[in-house]
Amino acid sequence: MDARKPQPGPVIRSKVNKGKSQDEIVRNMDRKLAGGANLVFKKELEDKSRKASVVLFYAGLYFVLLVMVLASLGWIKTRKPTPVERAPKYVQVTDNLESAHQDYEITSDEYARYLMYLLVRYDELPERFKAGVPRFSRQEVLGKLRTAWPDLADNTRNLIFRHLPEFYQEMHRKESQEASL
C-alpha cells in the first residue's frame, strides 16, 4: 500500500448508502448538517431581528408618547417669550391714579383731569399711567370723579363739564336735589 494515498474506510452496506465509503457518508452528513444548521441559525437570527424591531418600535412609541405627555403637562420648558412678545398686561389705571393721588404725587385737580382723560382723550394721559392695556369702567371713573369733586378748583370743574356734559347734568341734578332738601 502506498502511504501517500488516503485509504478508503470500510464500506457501509445499507439501502440508502449502498456502496459508499464511511468517509463519503461523513462528508455528506457534514454538508447536510452544516446546511441544516445554517437554516436553523438563519431562522433564529430572523426571529431575533424581528423581535428586536418590534421592541424598538414600541420603545420609540413609548418615548414619543412620554414626551407628548410631559410637554402637555408643562414639565418640558419651551422657550420663554421675551418681554416684547408677551401678551399685554391689563392695568387698573384708576387704581394707579388713585394711589398716586393718595401719595401726593399728583394734585386733586390733576387726578380729576386724568380721570376725565381716561374717558375722552386717553392719549392726553401721562405715559407713566398708560402702561399696558387699560381696564376700567365708565361708572367707576365717574364715581371717582364724584368723590374728588369737592376738592376741585372751578377751572377744573368747568373743563370736566365741557368734556363730560352728562356728568354736568348729573352733578346739576344732584345739587338741585340737595338744595331742595
Protein backbone atom coordinates (compact mmCIF):
# COMPACT_ATOMS: atom_id res chain seq x y z
CA MET A 1 0.00 0.00 0.00
CA ASP A 2 1.08 3.41 -0.80
CA ALA A 3 1.38 5.84 2.13
CA ARG A 4 0.51 8.90 0.11
CA LYS A 5 -2.99 7.86 -0.90
CA PRO A 6 -5.71 8.00 1.74
CA GLN A 7 -7.17 4.65 2.43
CA PRO A 8 -10.89 4.41 1.98
CA GLY A 9 -12.70 3.40 5.11
CA PRO A 10 -14.81 0.34 5.39
CA VAL A 11 -17.74 0.26 3.06
CA ILE A 12 -21.08 0.55 4.79
CA ARG A 13 -23.73 -1.62 3.38
CA SER A 14 -27.19 -0.12 3.69
CA LYS A 15 -30.00 0.53 1.30
CA VAL A 16 -29.55 4.32 1.43
CA ASN A 17 -25.77 4.47 1.33
CA LYS A 18 -25.20 1.44 -0.83
CA GLY A 19 -21.61 1.19 -1.90
CA LYS A 20 -20.35 4.42 -0.26
CA SER A 21 -17.37 4.56 1.99
CA GLN A 22 -17.58 5.79 5.57
CA ASP A 23 -15.64 8.98 4.65
CA GLU A 24 -18.12 9.87 1.91
CA ILE A 25 -21.05 9.31 4.23
CA VAL A 26 -19.44 11.51 6.92
CA ARG A 27 -18.77 14.28 4.35
CA ASN A 28 -22.36 14.10 3.12
CA MET A 29 -23.66 14.22 6.67
CA ASP A 30 -21.42 17.22 7.43
CA ARG A 31 -22.78 19.04 4.41
CA LYS A 32 -26.35 18.23 5.33
CA LEU A 33 -25.85 19.15 8.97
CA ALA A 34 -23.99 22.34 8.10
CA GLY A 35 -26.69 23.38 5.68
CA GLY A 36 -29.38 22.47 8.16
CA ALA A 37 -27.57 24.29 10.95
CA ASN A 38 -27.28 27.35 8.74
CA LEU A 39 -31.00 27.26 8.07
CA VAL A 40 -31.78 26.95 11.77
CA PHE A 41 -29.26 29.68 12.60
CA LYS A 42 -30.71 31.94 9.87
CA LYS A 43 -34.24 31.35 11.18
CA GLU A 44 -33.16 32.15 14.75
CA LEU A 45 -31.45 35.34 13.52
CA GLU A 46 -34.58 36.40 11.63
CA ASP A 47 -36.74 35.72 14.69
CA LYS A 48 -34.39 37.71 16.93
CA SER A 49 -34.19 40.63 14.50
CA ARG A 50 -38.00 40.63 14.15
CA LYS A 51 -38.36 40.67 17.94
CA ALA A 52 -35.73 43.41 18.23
CA SER A 53 -37.50 45.57 15.64
CA VAL A 54 -40.84 45.14 17.46
CA VAL A 55 -39.20 46.05 20.77
CA LEU A 56 -37.54 49.11 19.17
CA PHE A 57 -40.85 50.17 17.63
CA TYR A 58 -42.68 50.02 20.96
CA ALA A 59 -39.79 51.70 22.78
CA GLY A 60 -39.86 54.56 20.24
CA LEU A 61 -43.63 54.83 20.50
CA TYR A 62 -43.40 54.91 24.31
CA PHE A 63 -40.74 57.64 24.14
CA VAL A 64 -42.81 59.81 21.79
CA LEU A 65 -45.90 59.41 23.97
CA LEU A 66 -43.89 60.23 27.09
CA VAL A 67 -42.52 63.41 25.51
CA MET A 68 -46.01 64.46 24.41
CA VAL A 69 -47.47 63.90 27.88
CA LEU A 70 -44.65 65.77 29.60
CA ALA A 71 -44.91 68.64 27.14
CA SER A 72 -48.65 68.90 27.66
CA LEU A 73 -48.19 68.95 31.43
CA GLY A 74 -45.65 71.71 31.08
CA TRP A 75 -42.74 69.74 32.51
CA ILE A 76 -40.71 70.33 29.39
CA LYS A 77 -39.96 74.03 29.29
CA THR A 78 -40.25 75.70 25.96
CA ARG A 79 -38.60 78.95 25.01
CA LYS A 80 -39.89 81.75 27.19
CA PRO A 81 -41.16 84.75 25.24
CA THR A 82 -39.22 87.96 25.52
CA PRO A 83 -40.99 90.91 27.16
CA VAL A 84 -41.88 92.31 23.73
CA GLU A 85 -43.55 89.03 22.68
CA ARG A 86 -45.64 88.63 25.83
CA ALA A 87 -49.33 89.37 25.76
CA PRO A 88 -50.15 92.84 27.04
CA LYS A 89 -50.99 93.13 30.72
CA TYR A 90 -54.24 94.64 31.79
CA VAL A 91 -53.66 97.60 34.07
CA GLN A 92 -56.07 99.12 36.53
CA VAL A 93 -55.35 102.72 35.54
CA THR A 94 -57.83 104.08 38.07
CA ASP A 95 -56.01 102.28 40.89
CA ASN A 96 -52.68 103.67 39.71
CA LEU A 97 -54.12 107.19 39.55
CA GLU A 98 -55.72 106.86 42.97
CA SER A 99 -52.52 105.61 44.62
CA ALA A 100 -50.54 108.47 43.02
CA HIS A 101 -53.13 110.94 44.35
CA GLN A 102 -53.04 109.41 47.85
CA ASP A 103 -49.23 109.51 47.85
CA TYR A 104 -49.39 113.22 46.88
CA GLU A 105 -47.58 112.60 43.59
CA ILE A 106 -50.41 114.38 41.76
CA THR A 107 -52.85 117.05 42.95
CA SER A 108 -56.61 116.63 43.18
CA ASP A 109 -57.08 118.71 40.04
CA GLU A 110 -54.58 116.56 38.08
CA TYR A 111 -56.27 113.43 39.42
CA ALA A 112 -59.67 114.63 38.21
CA ARG A 113 -58.27 115.70 34.79
CA TYR A 114 -56.55 112.33 34.32
CA LEU A 115 -59.79 110.53 35.18
CA MET A 116 -61.57 112.65 32.59
CA TYR A 117 -58.82 111.88 30.02
CA LEU A 118 -59.46 108.18 30.59
CA LEU A 119 -62.97 108.66 29.26
CA VAL A 120 -62.50 111.24 26.48
CA ARG A 121 -58.82 111.55 25.44
CA TYR A 122 -56.71 108.62 26.55
CA ASP A 123 -53.70 109.93 24.60
CA GLU A 124 -53.55 113.00 26.89
CA LEU A 125 -52.86 110.77 29.90
CA PRO A 126 -49.20 110.87 31.08
CA GLU A 127 -47.09 107.93 29.89
CA ARG A 128 -46.48 106.56 33.39
CA PHE A 129 -50.21 105.82 33.71
CA LYS A 130 -50.55 104.26 30.22
CA ALA A 131 -48.56 101.07 30.88
CA GLY A 132 -50.31 98.04 29.41
CA VAL A 133 -53.92 97.75 28.31
CA PRO A 134 -56.24 99.88 30.44
CA ARG A 135 -59.10 98.19 32.24
CA PHE A 136 -61.78 100.38 33.77
CA SER A 137 -65.49 101.01 33.63
CA ARG A 138 -67.07 104.36 32.85
CA GLN A 139 -69.20 104.21 36.00
CA GLU A 140 -66.13 103.55 38.14
CA VAL A 141 -64.34 106.60 36.70
CA LEU A 142 -67.41 108.82 37.15
CA GLY A 143 -67.75 107.60 40.76
CA LYS A 144 -64.13 108.54 41.47
CA LEU A 145 -64.75 111.97 39.89
CA ARG A 146 -67.76 112.45 42.17
CA THR A 147 -65.61 111.57 45.18
CA ALA A 148 -62.91 114.09 44.20
CA TRP A 149 -65.44 116.82 43.23
CA PRO A 150 -65.47 118.84 46.48
CA ASP A 151 -61.67 119.40 46.36
CA LEU A 152 -61.54 120.63 42.73
CA ALA A 153 -60.87 124.15 41.54
CA ASP A 154 -63.52 125.90 39.43
CA ASN A 155 -61.45 125.84 36.22
CA THR A 156 -61.02 122.03 36.56
CA ARG A 157 -64.77 121.62 37.14
CA ASN A 158 -65.53 123.70 34.03
CA LEU A 159 -63.09 121.62 31.97
CA ILE A 160 -64.80 118.42 33.13
CA PHE A 161 -68.24 119.86 32.40
CA ARG A 162 -67.18 120.79 28.84
CA HIS A 163 -65.87 117.32 28.07
CA LEU A 164 -68.45 115.31 30.02
CA PRO A 165 -71.84 117.02 29.56
CA GLU A 166 -73.69 114.05 31.08
CA PHE A 167 -71.59 114.44 34.22
CA TYR A 168 -72.54 118.12 34.30
CA GLN A 169 -76.24 117.22 34.10
CA GLU A 170 -75.85 114.60 36.81
CA MET A 171 -74.00 116.96 39.15
CA HIS A 172 -76.52 119.77 38.45
CA ARG A 173 -79.39 117.42 39.29
CA LYS A 174 -77.64 116.32 42.47
CA GLU A 175 -77.01 119.95 43.56
CA SER A 176 -80.63 120.92 42.86
CA GLN A 177 -81.88 117.93 44.88
CA GLU A 178 -79.62 118.85 47.80
CA ALA A 179 -80.80 122.47 47.62
CA SER A 180 -84.46 121.42 47.70
CA LEU A 181 -83.94 119.37 50.86
